[in-house]
Amino acid sequence: MPATPIAESRVVHRERVPGGRYWSMVVRRGFTLRLVDTDGTANASLLAYNPTNPLERYNMADTLKGQHVSRLGLGNMLFSDMGRAMLSIVEDTVGWHDPIGGISDADSIHRRFGEARFQEHWNDFYRNGRELFLIELAKWGLGPRDLVSPVNFFQKVSVNDDGDLHYAADHSHPGASVDLRADSDTLVILTTAPHPMAPGPIYQPGPVEVSIHRSGPVRDDDLCIHHRPENARAYANTLIANCQES
């Protein structure tokens, strides 16, 4: 099912993030971030922080246990470690996004794809998720201690009865998209390095189109808020945190 078209009058920003790169921006409350897997091969690895107090950030454990899930999709929220709703998945054409697979590092990239150093390959050298996150986090005064487990959008990792992780190749499709409504001002850090479980031997991470548009009003029957009782409490906590907005 294709994504809902967005009127250009509602779009305030749009750009393309190549594979193996990074991106960040504060997405303000009342706006929605759309991610599009243009080629069907992207891993949009995302972290989220409170821009005025980055000690508050997306918490994988609270997000999953609070919603009784090991995957994310339509109706789910990304909870902060202070029990607030940061981002809500209000539209999703994929159906399964990975919050448990982690981040690629130099060793995992080398094992799967070999080595391609900057000195020989210039801008085509092989990047990994950890170094890309650290580069982008540094722009906001953050560092290694702020690097936590991300959500890997457009990727699927399942768990069998024995606790083994299984990576699903070719999970996404060209034009797949997900909409993340900012329920509070949120610093989004995004990287497009390969998933740490992606098989080799070809290093070819896909690009992601990012756009930000004005959200519609939050309805009384909002799917994300009513998805779980925990979601309603997290959203209520967010309203309290923003009750003095002008």
C-alpha atoms as a PDB file:
ATOM      1  CA  MET A   1       0.000   0.000   0.000  1.00  0.00           C
ATOM      2  CA  PRO A   2       1.556   3.334  -1.038  1.00  0.00           C
ATOM      3  CA  ALA A   3       2.137   6.147   1.407  1.00  0.00           C
ATOM      4  CA  THR A   4      -0.426   8.901   1.735  1.00  0.00           C
ATOM      5  CA  PRO A   5       0.548  11.803  -0.539  1.00  0.00           C
ATOM      6  CA  ILE A   6       1.599  14.975   1.260  1.00  0.00           C
ATOM      7  CA  ALA A   7       0.584  18.373  -0.092  1.00  0.00           C
ATOM      8  CA  GLU A   8       3.663  20.403  -0.971  1.00  0.00           C
ATOM      9  CA  SER A   9       2.273  23.299   1.065  1.00  0.00           C
ATOM     10  CA  ARG A  10       2.754  21.176   4.220  1.00  0.00           C
ATOM     11  CA  VAL A  11       6.352  20.152   3.442  1.00  0.00           C
ATOM     12  CA  VAL A  12       8.992  22.342   5.077  1.00  0.00           C
ATOM     13  CA  HIS A  13      12.135  20.360   4.236  1.00  0.00           C
ATOM     14  CA  ARG A  14      13.258  17.524   1.977  1.00  0.00           C
ATOM     15  CA  GLU A  15      16.656  16.008   1.192  1.00  0.00           C
ATOM     16  CA  ARG A  16      18.350  12.771   0.180  1.00  0.00           C
ATOM     17  CA  VAL A  17      20.791  10.982   2.476  1.00  0.00           C
ATOM     18  CA  PRO A  18      23.104   8.678   0.450  1.00  0.00           C
ATOM     19  CA  GLY A  19      23.954   5.201   1.674  1.00  0.00           C
ATOM     20  CA  GLY A  20      26.748   5.120   4.225  1.00  0.00           C
ATOM     21  CA  ARG A  21      26.175   8.683   5.436  1.00  0.00           C
ATOM     22  CA  TYR A  22      24.599  10.573   8.344  1.00  0.00           C
ATOM     23  CA  TRP A  23      21.955  13.228   8.993  1.00  0.00           C
ATOM     24  CA  SER A  24      20.469  15.052  11.966  1.00  0.00           C
ATOM     25  CA  MET A  25      17.859  17.684  12.713  1.00  0.00           C
ATOM     26  CA  VAL A  26      15.555  18.765  15.510  1.00  0.00           C
ATOM     27  CA  VAL A  27      12.039  17.796  14.456  1.00  0.00           C
ATOM     28  CA  ARG A  28       9.657  20.114  16.262  1.00  0.00           C
ATOM     29  CA  ARG A  29       6.478  19.088  17.990  1.00  0.00           C
ATOM     30  CA  GLY A  30       3.650  19.387  15.482  1.00  0.00           C
ATOM     31  CA  PHE A  31       5.746  18.134  12.571  1.00  0.00           C
ATOM     32  CA  THR A  32       6.233  14.673  11.062  1.00  0.00           C
ATOM     33  CA  LEU A  33       9.400  13.104   9.694  1.00  0.00           C
ATOM     34  CA  ARG A  34       8.913  10.828   6.687  1.00  0.00           C
ATOM     35  CA  LEU A  35      11.652   8.331   5.758  1.00  0.00           C
ATOM     36  CA  VAL A  36      11.558   6.760   2.291  1.00  0.00           C
ATOM     37  CA  ASP A  37      13.644   3.757   1.241  1.00  0.00           C
ATOM     38  CA  THR A  38      14.040   4.913  -2.343  1.00  0.00           C
ATOM     39  CA  ASP A  39      15.829   1.814  -3.698  1.00  0.00           C
ATOM     40  CA  GLY A  40      14.482  -0.818  -1.301  1.00  0.00           C
ATOM     41  CA  THR A  41      17.935  -1.482   0.168  1.00  0.00           C
ATOM     42  CA  ALA A  42      18.227   1.094   2.958  1.00  0.00           C
ATOM     43  CA  ASN A  43      18.952   0.735   6.636  1.00  0.00           C
ATOM     44  CA  ALA A  44      17.771   3.966   8.282  1.00  0.00           C
ATOM     45  CA  SER A  45      19.276   3.650  11.738  1.00  0.00           C
ATOM     46  CA  LEU A  46      17.758   6.231  14.090  1.00  0.00           C
ATOM     47  CA  LEU A  47      18.411   7.649  17.546  1.00  0.00           C
ATOM     48  CA  ALA A  48      16.299  10.302  19.294  1.00  0.00           C
ATOM     49  CA  TYR A  49      17.139  12.817  22.050  1.00  0.00           C
ATOM     50  CA  ASN A  50      15.479  15.687  23.878  1.00  0.00           C
ATOM     51  CA  PRO A  51      17.326  18.664  22.348  1.00  0.00           C
ATOM     52  CA  THR A  52      17.069  20.762  25.533  1.00  0.00           C
ATOM     53  CA  ASN A  53      18.081  17.895  27.819  1.00  0.00           C
ATOM     54  CA  PRO A  54      19.862  15.176  25.824  1.00  0.00           C
ATOM     55  CA  LEU A  55      20.128  12.997  28.930  1.00  0.00           C
ATOM     56  CA  GLU A  56      16.539  12.154  27.992  1.00  0.00           C
ATOM     57  CA  ARG A  57      16.704   9.947  24.920  1.00  0.00           C
ATOM     58  CA  TYR A  58      14.999   7.056  23.128  1.00  0.00           C
ATOM     59  CA  ASN A  59      15.044   3.966  25.318  1.00  0.00           C
ATOM     60  CA  MET A  60      14.801   0.647  23.507  1.00  0.00           C
ATOM     61  CA  ALA A  61      14.021  -1.443  26.594  1.00  0.00           C
ATOM     62  CA  ASP A  62      11.170   0.786  27.810  1.00  0.00           C
ATOM     63  CA  THR A  63       9.763   1.096  24.280  1.00  0.00           C
ATOM     64  CA  LEU A  64       9.599  -2.660  23.773  1.00  0.00           C
ATOM     65  CA  LYS A  65       8.491  -3.825  27.212  1.00  0.00           C
ATOM     66  CA  GLY A  66       5.933  -1.008  27.477  1.00  0.00           C
ATOM     67  CA  GLN A  67       4.264  -2.058  24.226  1.00  0.00           C
ATOM     68  CA  HIS A  68       4.861  -5.831  24.585  1.00  0.00           C
ATOM     69  CA  VAL A  69       6.724  -6.053  21.267  1.00  0.00           C
ATOM     70  CA  SER A  70      10.119  -6.999  19.812  1.00  0.00           C
ATOM     71  CA  ARG A  71       9.501  -5.058  16.589  1.00  0.00           C
ATOM     72  CA  LEU A  72       8.072  -1.662  15.702  1.00  0.00           C
ATOM     73  CA  GLY A  73       5.409  -0.657  13.211  1.00  0.00           C
ATOM     74  CA  LEU A  74       2.217   1.312  12.749  1.00  0.00           C
ATOM     75  CA  GLY A  75       0.735   2.396  16.072  1.00  0.00           C
ATOM     76  CA  ASN A  76       3.940   2.078  18.082  1.00  0.00           C
ATOM     77  CA  MET A  77       5.663   4.942  19.857  1.00  0.00           C
ATOM     78  CA  LEU A  78       9.315   5.549  20.661  1.00  0.00           C
ATOM     79  CA  PHE A  79       9.455   6.130  24.434  1.00  0.00           C
ATOM     80  CA  SER A  80      12.099   8.167  26.213  1.00  0.00           C
ATOM     81  CA  ASP A  81      13.754   6.946  29.393  1.00  0.00           C
ATOM     82  CA  MET A  82      11.590   9.461  31.267  1.00  0.00           C
ATOM     83  CA  GLY A  83       8.378   7.771  30.199  1.00  0.00           C
ATOM     84  CA  ARG A  84       7.407  10.254  27.496  1.00  0.00           C
ATOM     85  CA  ALA A  85       6.383   9.772  23.868  1.00  0.00           C
ATOM     86  CA  MET A  86       9.047  11.131  21.531  1.00  0.00           C
ATOM     87  CA  LEU A  87       8.010   9.852  18.099  1.00  0.00           C
ATOM     88  CA  SER A  88       4.860   8.008  16.977  1.00  0.00           C
ATOM     89  CA  ILE A  89       4.692   5.752  13.923  1.00  0.00           C
ATOM     90  CA  VAL A  90       1.564   7.165  12.312  1.00  0.00           C
ATOM     91  CA  GLU A  91       2.034   5.640   8.861  1.00  0.00           C
ATOM     92  CA  ASP A  92       4.034   2.635   7.703  1.00  0.00           C
ATOM     93  CA  THR A  93       4.161   0.743   4.408  1.00  0.00           C
ATOM     94  CA  VAL A  94       6.674  -1.872   5.626  1.00  0.00           C
ATOM     95  CA  GLY A  95       5.076  -3.380   8.738  1.00  0.00           C
ATOM     96  CA  TRP A  96       8.217  -4.422  10.651  1.00  0.00           C
ATOM     97  CA  HIS A  97      11.181  -2.345  11.775  1.00  0.00           C
ATOM     98  CA  ASP A  98      14.093  -3.685  13.805  1.00  0.00           C
ATOM     99  CA  PRO A  99      14.781  -2.252  17.297  1.00  0.00           C
ATOM    100  CA  ILE A 100      17.051  -5.062  18.546  1.00  0.00           C
ATOM    101  CA  GLY A 101      19.746  -5.631  15.905  1.00  0.00           C
ATOM    102  CA  GLY A 102      22.102  -2.909  17.118  1.00  0.00           C
ATOM    103  CA  ILE A 103      24.754  -0.944  15.222  1.00  0.00           C
ATOM    104  CA  SER A 104      27.434  -2.045  12.777  1.00  0.00           C
ATOM    105  CA  ASP A 105      31.034  -1.352  13.721  1.00  0.00           C
ATOM    106  CA  ALA A 106      34.358  -1.506  11.885  1.00  0.00           C
ATOM    107  CA  ASP A 107      34.900  -5.191  12.666  1.00  0.00           C
ATOM    108  CA  SER A 108      31.460  -6.316  11.465  1.00  0.00           C
ATOM    109  CA  ILE A 109      31.833  -4.338   8.232  1.00  0.00           C
ATOM    110  CA  HIS A 110      35.302  -5.778   7.636  1.00  0.00           C
ATOM    111  CA  ARG A 111      34.132  -9.370   8.228  1.00  0.00           C
ATOM    112  CA  ARG A 112      31.222  -9.107   5.784  1.00  0.00           C
ATOM    113  CA  PHE A 113      32.491  -6.756   3.119  1.00  0.00           C
ATOM    114  CA  GLY A 114      36.254  -6.639   3.367  1.00  0.00           C
ATOM    115  CA  GLU A 115      38.271  -3.458   3.670  1.00  0.00           C
ATOM    116  CA  ALA A 116      38.095  -0.277   1.616  1.00  0.00           C
ATOM    117  CA  ARG A 117      40.046   2.538   3.256  1.00  0.00           C
ATOM    118  CA  PHE A 118      39.680   6.245   2.573  1.00  0.00           C
ATOM    119  CA  GLN A 119      43.326   6.453   1.505  1.00  0.00           C
ATOM    120  CA  GLU A 120      42.673   4.212  -1.511  1.00  0.00           C
ATOM    121  CA  HIS A 121      38.933   4.645  -2.162  1.00  0.00           C
ATOM    122  CA  TRP A 122      38.307   8.257  -1.101  1.00  0.00           C
ATOM    123  CA  ASN A 123      34.575   8.897  -0.572  1.00  0.00           C
ATOM    124  CA  ASP A 124      33.751   5.319  -1.567  1.00  0.00           C
ATOM    125  CA  PHE A 125      35.472   3.898   1.523  1.00  0.00           C
ATOM    126  CA  TYR A 126      33.422   1.601   3.777  1.00  0.00           C
ATOM    127  CA  ARG A 127      31.721   3.312   6.689  1.00  0.00           C
ATOM    128  CA  ASN A 128      30.074   1.722   9.705  1.00  0.00           C
ATOM    129  CA  GLY A 129      27.166   2.776  11.863  1.00  0.00           C
ATOM    130  CA  ARG A 130      29.126   3.373  15.038  1.00  0.00           C
ATOM    131  CA  GLU A 131      31.578   5.852  13.541  1.00  0.00           C
ATOM    132  CA  LEU A 132      28.823   7.644  11.625  1.00  0.00           C
ATOM    133  CA  PHE A 133      26.709   8.033  14.753  1.00  0.00           C
ATOM    134  CA  LEU A 134      29.682   9.358  16.719  1.00  0.00           C
ATOM    135  CA  ILE A 135      30.487  11.911  14.015  1.00  0.00           C
ATOM    136  CA  GLU A 136      26.924  13.217  13.958  1.00  0.00           C
ATOM    137  CA  LEU A 137      26.481  13.100  17.743  1.00  0.00           C
ATOM    138  CA  ALA A 138      29.614  15.244  18.158  1.00  0.00           C
ATOM    139  CA  LYS A 139      27.916  18.058  16.235  1.00  0.00           C
ATOM    140  CA  TRP A 140      25.427  18.298  19.119  1.00  0.00           C
ATOM    141  CA  GLY A 141      27.952  18.032  21.942  1.00  0.00           C
ATOM    142  CA  LEU A 142      27.299  14.321  22.476  1.00  0.00           C
ATOM    143  CA  GLY A 143      29.714  11.406  22.466  1.00  0.00           C
ATOM    144  CA  PRO A 144      30.293   7.673  22.988  1.00  0.00           C
ATOM    145  CA  ARG A 145      28.422   7.522  26.295  1.00  0.00           C
ATOM    146  CA  ASP A 146      25.322   8.848  24.511  1.00  0.00           C
ATOM    147  CA  LEU A 147      25.357   6.102  21.878  1.00  0.00           C
ATOM    148  CA  VAL A 148      22.531   3.656  22.605  1.00  0.00           C
ATOM    149  CA  SER A 149      20.748   0.942  20.630  1.00  0.00           C
ATOM    150  CA  PRO A 150      18.907   2.481  17.640  1.00  0.00           C
ATOM    151  CA  VAL A 151      15.832   1.597  15.617  1.00  0.00           C
ATOM    152  CA  ASN A 152      16.836   0.171  12.240  1.00  0.00           C
ATOM    153  CA  PHE A 153      14.009   1.238   9.968  1.00  0.00           C
ATOM    154  CA  PHE A 154      13.295  -0.885   6.856  1.00  0.00           C
ATOM    155  CA  GLN A 155      15.046  -3.886   8.445  1.00  0.00           C
ATOM    156  CA  LYS A 156      13.633  -7.078   9.996  1.00  0.00           C
ATOM    157  CA  VAL A 157      15.221  -9.192  12.716  1.00  0.00           C
ATOM    158  CA  SER A 158      13.111 -11.929  14.294  1.00  0.00           C
ATOM    159  CA  VAL A 159      13.760 -14.142  17.311  1.00  0.00           C
ATOM    160  CA  ASN A 160      13.030 -17.880  17.420  1.00  0.00           C
ATOM    161  CA  ASP A 161      11.976 -19.912  20.465  1.00  0.00           C
ATOM    162  CA  ASP A 162      15.625 -20.541  21.377  1.00  0.00           C
ATOM    163  CA  GLY A 163      16.430 -16.825  21.400  1.00  0.00           C
ATOM    164  CA  ASP A 164      18.401 -16.876  18.140  1.00  0.00           C
ATOM    165  CA  LEU A 165      18.237 -13.780  15.954  1.00  0.00           C
ATOM    166  CA  HIS A 166      17.329 -14.159  12.288  1.00  0.00           C
ATOM    167  CA  TYR A 167      17.985 -11.424   9.729  1.00  0.00           C
ATOM    168  CA  ALA A 168      15.506 -11.172   6.851  1.00  0.00           C
ATOM    169  CA  ALA A 169      17.204 -10.087   3.637  1.00  0.00           C
ATOM    170  CA  ASP A 170      15.228  -8.109   1.019  1.00  0.00           C
ATOM    171  CA  HIS A 171      12.636  -7.133   3.632  1.00  0.00           C
ATOM    172  CA  SER A 172      11.891  -3.670   2.290  1.00  0.00           C
ATOM    173  CA  HIS A 173      10.906  -2.509  -1.199  1.00  0.00           C
ATOM    174  CA  PRO A 174      11.552   0.545  -3.387  1.00  0.00           C
ATOM    175  CA  GLY A 175       9.491   3.485  -2.183  1.00  0.00           C
ATOM    176  CA  ALA A 176       8.751   1.967   1.244  1.00  0.00           C
ATOM    177  CA  SER A 177       8.120   4.670   3.818  1.00  0.00           C
ATOM    178  CA  VAL A 178       7.449   5.354   7.468  1.00  0.00           C
ATOM    179  CA  ASP A 179       6.056   8.530   9.082  1.00  0.00           C
ATOM    180  CA  LEU A 180       7.268   9.543  12.550  1.00  0.00           C
ATOM    181  CA  ARG A 181       5.172  12.214  14.257  1.00  0.00           C
ATOM    182  CA  ALA A 182       7.128  14.296  16.741  1.00  0.00           C
ATOM    183  CA  ASP A 183       5.067  14.344  19.944  1.00  0.00           C
ATOM    184  CA  SER A 184       7.744  16.519  21.535  1.00  0.00           C
ATOM    185  CA  ASP A 185      10.706  18.424  20.113  1.00  0.00           C
ATOM    186  CA  THR A 186      13.119  15.653  19.149  1.00  0.00           C
ATOM    187  CA  LEU A 187      16.715  15.650  17.983  1.00  0.00           C
ATOM    188  CA  VAL A 188      16.863  12.891  15.374  1.00  0.00           C
ATOM    189  CA  ILE A 189      20.242  11.352  14.505  1.00  0.00           C
ATOM    190  CA  LEU A 190      20.149   9.146  11.396  1.00  0.00           C
ATOM    191  CA  THR A 191      22.764   6.981   9.711  1.00  0.00           C
ATOM    192  CA  THR A 192      22.516   4.844   6.563  1.00  0.00           C
ATOM    193  CA  ALA A 193      25.335   2.346   7.105  1.00  0.00           C
ATOM    194  CA  PRO A 194      24.565  -1.360   6.581  1.00  0.00           C
ATOM    195  CA  HIS A 195      22.708  -3.273   9.262  1.00  0.00           C
ATOM    196  CA  PRO A 196      25.175  -5.201  11.477  1.00  0.00           C
ATOM    197  CA  MET A 197      23.620  -8.509  10.374  1.00  0.00           C
ATOM    198  CA  ALA A 198      23.461  -7.682   6.656  1.00  0.00           C
ATOM    199  CA  PRO A 199      25.225 -10.351   4.593  1.00  0.00           C
ATOM    200  CA  GLY A 200      28.126  -9.603   2.254  1.00  0.00           C
ATOM    201  CA  PRO A 201      30.041  -9.547   0.111  1.00  0.00           C
ATOM    202  CA  ILE A 202      28.915  -6.374  -1.701  1.00  0.00           C
ATOM    203  CA  TYR A 203      28.994  -3.099   0.250  1.00  0.00           C
ATOM    204  CA  GLN A 204      26.129  -1.119  -1.216  1.00  0.00           C
ATOM    205  CA  PRO A 205      23.998   0.618   1.476  1.00  0.00           C
ATOM    206  CA  GLY A 206      20.916   2.289   0.061  1.00  0.00           C
ATOM    207  CA  PRO A 207      19.899   5.958   0.252  1.00  0.00           C
ATOM    208  CA  VAL A 208      17.043   7.402   2.291  1.00  0.00           C
ATOM    209  CA  GLU A 209      14.879  10.378   1.423  1.00  0.00           C
ATOM    210  CA  VAL A 210      13.957  12.431   4.472  1.00  0.00           C
ATOM    211  CA  SER A 211      11.215  15.020   4.537  1.00  0.00           C
ATOM    212  CA  ILE A 212       9.502  17.017   7.271  1.00  0.00           C
ATOM    213  CA  HIS A 213       5.911  18.158   6.988  1.00  0.00           C
ATOM    214  CA  ARG A 214       3.335  19.774   9.232  1.00  0.00           C
ATOM    215  CA  SER A 215       1.334  17.188  11.127  1.00  0.00           C
ATOM    216  CA  GLY A 216      -2.423  17.085  11.141  1.00  0.00           C
ATOM    217  CA  PRO A 217      -4.254  17.542  14.438  1.00  0.00           C
ATOM    218  CA  VAL A 218      -4.002  14.699  16.942  1.00  0.00           C
ATOM    219  CA  ARG A 219      -7.485  13.183  17.044  1.00  0.00           C
ATOM    220  CA  ASP A 220      -9.249  11.815  20.101  1.00  0.00           C
ATOM    221  CA  ASP A 221      -9.166   8.351  18.494  1.00  0.00           C
ATOM    222  CA  ASP A 222      -5.465   8.544  17.562  1.00  0.00           C
ATOM    223  CA  LEU A 223      -4.190   5.064  16.722  1.00  0.00           C
ATOM    224  CA  CYS A 224      -0.818   5.437  18.451  1.00  0.00           C
ATOM    225  CA  ILE A 225      -2.178   6.866  21.687  1.00  0.00           C
ATOM    226  CA  HIS A 226      -4.763   4.096  22.000  1.00  0.00           C
ATOM    227  CA  HIS A 227      -2.505   1.283  20.769  1.00  0.00           C
ATOM    228  CA  ARG A 228      -1.597   0.372  24.348  1.00  0.00           C
ATOM    229  CA  PRO A 229      -2.467   1.806  27.793  1.00  0.00           C
ATOM    230  CA  GLU A 230       1.246   2.528  28.182  1.00  0.00           C
ATOM    231  CA  ASN A 231       1.130   4.684  25.048  1.00  0.00           C
ATOM    232  CA  ALA A 232      -1.673   6.790  26.496  1.00  0.00           C
ATOM    233  CA  ARG A 233       0.332   7.323  29.703  1.00  0.00           C
ATOM    234  CA  ALA A 234       3.477   8.246  27.765  1.00  0.00           C
ATOM    235  CA  TYR A 235       1.535  10.733  25.660  1.00  0.00           C
ATOM    236  CA  ALA A 236      -0.069  12.213  28.775  1.00  0.00           C
ATOM    237  CA  ASN A 237       3.413  12.654  30.281  1.00  0.00           C
ATOM    238  CA  THR A 238       4.454  14.458  27.110  1.00  0.00           C
ATOM    239  CA  LEU A 239       1.470  16.807  27.316  1.00  0.00           C
ATOM    240  CA  ILE A 240       2.424  17.669  30.900  1.00  0.00           C
ATOM    241  CA  ALA A 241       6.007  18.417  29.827  1.00  0.00           C
ATOM    242  CA  ASN A 242       4.681  20.784  27.141  1.00  0.00           C
ATOM    243  CA  CYS A 243       1.770  22.318  29.082  1.00  0.00           C
ATOM    244  CA  GLN A 244       3.407  25.777  29.244  1.00  0.00           C
ATOM    245  CA  GLU A 245       3.880  26.184  25.499  1.00  0.00           C
ATOM    246  CA  SER A 246       2.608  29.440  24.094  1.00  0.00           C
END
